[in-house]
């Protein structure tokens, strides 16, 4: 039973290198590296589902986690286990999505006017990443190299097609999924701790796991935590 692993926005399959074993599918998300952006959120979900039609397990971080939730919503009985790391189930209202699209457009404008390097510099200053200051310089530098490998066109296309402002509210559909879903969050990422707790009230078999002394990007900060929950899921 193969596993689909999905990286986050500005990441790549390299982000998942410490989790991957043979037989798994680790695609590049639309808009990253050489992969063209999909038309919209559901088109990207369909593309990913078709890459590994026999896969029954999922792992996704941040944007990848949102797409995992999309796969569960679209195929509620196909999968047996999913690990979802620091992911949003979608904004509830059209008004909230409109506000988020305005915010995303600022990033898109920066990409289109100035290119990838200024965008990455600004992206890395976001408060979301403040816990990463504790990490070794080599780990931070490796993630920066991943980000700089992308194109402005691709990252802008990703935001325009699968950004949070373009994503539907998946809550109603997620109530129908049948598989076990382990929701991983960092204790120092309170907004996503709250979202994971909420998802546990929606997903019939949702389980929250909080990594202490960690923030949003558990692939960087606690890859051991991610691996442990992937391995435990193999017994399901």
Protein backbone atom coordinates (compact mmCIF):
# COMPACT_ATOMS: atom_id res chain seq x y z
CA UNK A 1 0.00 0.00 0.00
CA UNK A 2 1.83 3.09 -1.22
CA UNK A 3 1.85 6.49 0.42
CA UNK A 4 1.48 9.92 -1.21
CA UNK A 5 3.58 12.62 0.51
CA UNK A 6 2.95 16.29 -0.26
CA UNK A 7 5.26 19.21 0.56
CA UNK A 8 4.28 22.75 1.52
CA UNK A 9 4.19 26.03 -0.38
CA UNK A 10 7.73 27.05 -1.48
CA UNK A 11 8.93 23.55 -0.53
CA UNK A 12 9.72 20.59 -2.77
CA UNK A 13 10.07 16.82 -2.52
CA UNK A 14 13.41 17.52 -0.80
CA UNK A 15 11.42 18.78 2.20
CA UNK A 16 10.26 15.20 2.72
CA UNK A 17 13.63 13.50 2.25
CA UNK A 18 13.86 12.38 5.88
CA UNK A 19 10.42 10.74 5.72
CA UNK A 20 10.53 8.96 2.36
CA UNK A 21 11.13 5.26 1.80
CA UNK A 22 10.93 3.20 -1.38
CA UNK A 23 7.53 2.62 -2.93
CA UNK A 24 6.11 6.00 -1.99
CA UNK A 25 4.92 8.77 -4.32
CA UNK A 26 6.40 12.23 -3.67
CA UNK A 27 5.13 14.59 -6.37
CA UNK A 28 6.04 18.20 -6.97
CA UNK A 29 3.01 20.39 -6.33
CA UNK A 30 1.68 22.61 -9.10
CA UNK A 31 3.64 25.85 -9.47
CA UNK A 32 6.78 24.42 -7.89
CA UNK A 33 10.00 23.65 -9.74
CA UNK A 34 8.95 22.65 -13.26
CA UNK A 35 5.37 21.58 -12.50
CA UNK A 36 2.80 23.94 -14.09
CA UNK A 37 0.17 25.41 -11.77
CA UNK A 38 -3.20 23.67 -11.84
CA UNK A 39 -6.31 25.57 -12.84
CA UNK A 40 -7.80 25.48 -9.35
CA UNK A 41 -7.84 23.60 -6.05
CA UNK A 42 -9.98 20.69 -7.23
CA UNK A 43 -7.95 20.29 -10.43
CA UNK A 44 -4.80 19.89 -8.32
CA UNK A 45 -6.57 17.37 -6.08
CA UNK A 46 -7.60 15.37 -9.14
CA UNK A 47 -4.07 15.49 -10.60
CA UNK A 48 -2.54 14.21 -7.38
CA UNK A 49 -5.14 11.45 -6.99
CA UNK A 50 -4.41 10.21 -10.52
CA UNK A 51 -0.64 10.01 -9.91
CA UNK A 52 -1.05 7.04 -7.57
CA UNK A 53 -4.50 5.45 -8.00
CA UNK A 54 -3.59 2.53 -5.71
CA UNK A 55 -2.25 4.65 -2.85
CA UNK A 56 -4.24 4.26 0.37
CA UNK A 57 -2.19 6.47 2.71
CA UNK A 58 -1.47 10.19 2.72
CA UNK A 59 0.92 12.67 4.31
CA UNK A 60 0.85 16.42 3.78
CA UNK A 61 2.36 19.52 5.34
CA UNK A 62 0.72 23.00 5.19
CA UNK A 63 -0.33 23.46 1.53
CA UNK A 64 0.29 19.73 1.10
CA UNK A 65 -1.88 19.13 4.16
CA UNK A 66 -4.68 21.23 2.68
CA UNK A 67 -4.48 19.13 -0.48
CA UNK A 68 -4.56 15.94 1.63
CA UNK A 69 -7.76 17.25 3.21
CA UNK A 70 -9.02 17.88 -0.31
CA UNK A 71 -8.25 14.27 -1.28
CA UNK A 72 -10.11 13.03 1.79
CA UNK A 73 -13.06 15.27 0.98
CA UNK A 74 -13.21 14.17 -2.67
CA UNK A 75 -12.55 10.47 -1.95
CA UNK A 76 -13.99 9.87 1.54
CA UNK A 77 -13.66 6.06 1.46
CA UNK A 78 -10.49 5.55 -0.59
CA UNK A 79 -7.82 6.02 2.10
CA UNK A 80 -7.10 4.14 5.33
CA UNK A 81 -4.76 6.61 7.04
CA UNK A 82 -3.60 10.21 6.67
CA UNK A 83 -1.10 12.38 8.51
CA UNK A 84 -1.94 16.08 8.18
CA UNK A 85 0.61 18.60 9.47
CA UNK A 86 -0.23 22.26 10.19
CA UNK A 87 -3.10 22.48 7.71
CA UNK A 88 -6.20 24.64 7.31
CA UNK A 89 -9.57 23.10 6.30
CA UNK A 90 -10.53 26.25 4.40
CA UNK A 91 -12.01 29.62 5.26
CA UNK A 92 -15.69 29.50 6.14
CA UNK A 93 -17.13 32.38 4.13
CA UNK A 94 -16.78 34.04 0.75
CA UNK A 95 -15.96 37.30 2.56
CA UNK A 96 -13.04 35.68 4.41
CA UNK A 97 -11.76 34.19 1.17
CA UNK A 98 -11.96 37.57 -0.55
CA UNK A 99 -9.87 39.18 2.21
CA UNK A 100 -7.30 36.39 1.94
CA UNK A 101 -7.08 36.80 -1.84
CA UNK A 102 -6.18 40.46 -1.31
CA UNK A 103 -3.39 39.39 1.06
CA UNK A 104 -2.17 36.75 -1.38
CA UNK A 105 -2.22 39.29 -4.21
CA UNK A 106 0.41 41.33 -2.36
CA UNK A 107 2.72 38.30 -2.46
CA UNK A 108 1.86 37.71 -6.10
CA UNK A 109 2.68 41.34 -6.93
CA UNK A 110 6.02 41.03 -5.14
CA UNK A 111 6.86 37.90 -7.12
CA UNK A 112 5.85 39.42 -10.44
CA UNK A 113 7.56 42.79 -9.91
CA UNK A 114 10.74 41.81 -8.08
CA UNK A 115 11.23 38.07 -8.50
CA UNK A 116 11.91 35.10 -6.26
CA UNK A 117 14.81 36.38 -4.14
CA UNK A 118 13.02 39.44 -2.67
CA UNK A 119 9.90 37.32 -2.19
CA UNK A 120 11.80 34.63 -0.27
CA UNK A 121 13.51 37.25 1.89
CA UNK A 122 10.12 38.74 2.81
CA UNK A 123 8.47 35.32 3.23
CA UNK A 124 11.13 34.21 5.68
CA UNK A 125 10.51 37.26 7.86
CA UNK A 126 6.93 36.17 8.61
CA UNK A 127 6.22 35.65 12.35
CA UNK A 128 5.03 32.13 11.45
CA UNK A 129 8.66 31.04 11.23
CA UNK A 130 10.04 32.64 14.42
CA UNK A 131 10.57 29.27 16.16
CA UNK A 132 13.02 28.24 13.43
CA UNK A 133 15.65 30.59 14.85
CA UNK A 134 16.60 27.76 17.18
CA UNK A 135 17.50 25.46 14.30
CA UNK A 136 21.02 24.89 12.97
CA UNK A 137 22.08 27.36 10.29
CA UNK A 138 22.57 24.47 7.85
CA UNK A 139 18.89 23.43 8.16
CA UNK A 140 17.66 26.98 7.56
CA UNK A 141 20.02 27.39 4.59
CA UNK A 142 18.80 24.14 3.02
CA UNK A 143 15.18 25.29 3.15
CA UNK A 144 16.17 28.65 1.64
CA UNK A 145 17.84 26.84 -1.27
CA UNK A 146 14.61 24.94 -1.86
CA UNK A 147 12.63 28.18 -1.97
CA UNK A 148 15.05 29.91 -4.31
CA UNK A 149 14.87 27.00 -6.78
CA UNK A 150 11.34 28.02 -7.80
CA UNK A 151 10.24 30.56 -10.37
CA UNK A 152 8.22 33.70 -9.75
CA UNK A 153 5.69 32.57 -12.35
CA UNK A 154 5.24 29.19 -10.65
CA UNK A 155 4.84 30.44 -7.08
CA UNK A 156 2.47 33.19 -8.19
CA UNK A 157 0.47 30.56 -10.07
CA UNK A 158 0.31 28.37 -6.99
CA UNK A 159 -1.12 31.22 -4.90
CA UNK A 160 -3.60 32.08 -7.66
CA UNK A 161 -4.87 28.50 -8.00
CA UNK A 162 -4.55 26.76 -4.61
CA UNK A 163 -3.90 29.57 -2.12
CA UNK A 164 -6.11 29.60 0.96
CA UNK A 165 -8.27 32.31 -0.59
CA UNK A 166 -8.98 30.02 -3.56
CA UNK A 167 -9.72 26.92 -1.48
CA UNK A 168 -13.26 25.82 -0.57
CA UNK A 169 -14.38 25.19 2.99
CA UNK A 170 -13.88 21.44 3.31
CA UNK A 171 -15.55 20.98 6.70
CA UNK A 172 -18.90 19.61 5.47
CA UNK A 173 -17.25 17.06 3.15
CA UNK A 174 -14.64 15.99 5.72
CA UNK A 175 -17.40 14.80 8.05
CA UNK A 176 -17.95 11.92 5.60
CA UNK A 177 -14.38 10.60 5.48
CA UNK A 178 -13.86 7.14 6.95
CA UNK A 179 -10.10 6.90 7.51
CA UNK A 180 -7.98 7.59 10.56
CA UNK A 181 -6.48 11.10 10.36
CA UNK A 182 -3.59 12.07 12.61
CA UNK A 183 -3.40 15.86 12.91
CA UNK A 184 0.10 17.08 13.83
CA UNK A 185 0.78 20.60 15.09
CA UNK A 186 3.49 22.47 16.95
CA UNK A 187 2.64 23.73 20.44
CA UNK A 188 4.02 27.18 19.51
CA UNK A 189 1.66 27.51 16.53
CA UNK A 190 -1.57 28.29 18.44
CA UNK A 191 -3.77 29.12 15.46
CA UNK A 192 -3.13 25.71 13.95
CA UNK A 193 -3.49 23.94 17.28
CA UNK A 194 -7.01 25.40 17.38
CA UNK A 195 -7.71 24.34 13.79
CA UNK A 196 -6.53 20.78 14.50
CA UNK A 197 -8.71 20.61 17.60
CA UNK A 198 -11.67 21.79 15.51
CA UNK A 199 -10.95 19.17 12.84
CA UNK A 200 -11.05 16.49 15.53
CA UNK A 201 -14.69 17.42 16.13
CA UNK A 202 -15.44 17.06 12.40
CA UNK A 203 -13.41 14.06 11.24
CA UNK A 204 -14.98 10.83 12.55
CA UNK A 205 -11.52 9.41 13.29
CA UNK A 206 -9.45 12.55 13.75
CA UNK A 207 -6.70 12.56 16.39
CA UNK A 208 -4.60 15.56 17.44
CA UNK A 209 -0.91 15.28 18.38
CA UNK A 210 0.98 18.33 19.64
CA UNK A 211 4.77 18.57 19.31
CA UNK A 212 6.26 20.54 22.19
CA UNK A 213 8.84 23.27 21.55
CA UNK A 214 7.93 23.50 17.88
CA UNK A 215 6.11 25.85 15.54
CA UNK A 216 4.46 25.56 12.13
CA UNK A 217 7.03 23.68 10.05
CA UNK A 218 7.38 20.30 11.74
CA UNK A 219 9.27 18.95 8.72
CA UNK A 220 12.12 21.26 9.71
CA UNK A 221 11.67 21.38 13.46
CA UNK A 222 10.45 17.88 14.35
CA UNK A 223 10.92 15.42 11.47
CA UNK A 224 11.16 12.64 14.10
CA UNK A 225 7.64 13.49 15.28
CA UNK A 226 6.33 13.27 11.71
CA UNK A 227 8.13 9.97 11.04
CA UNK A 228 6.84 8.40 14.24
CA UNK A 229 3.21 9.07 13.32
CA UNK A 230 3.72 7.82 9.78
CA UNK A 231 5.19 4.58 11.12
CA UNK A 232 2.39 4.11 13.64
CA UNK A 233 -0.12 4.53 10.88
CA UNK A 234 1.27 1.53 9.03
CA UNK A 235 -0.37 -0.73 11.60
CA UNK A 236 -3.85 0.51 10.67
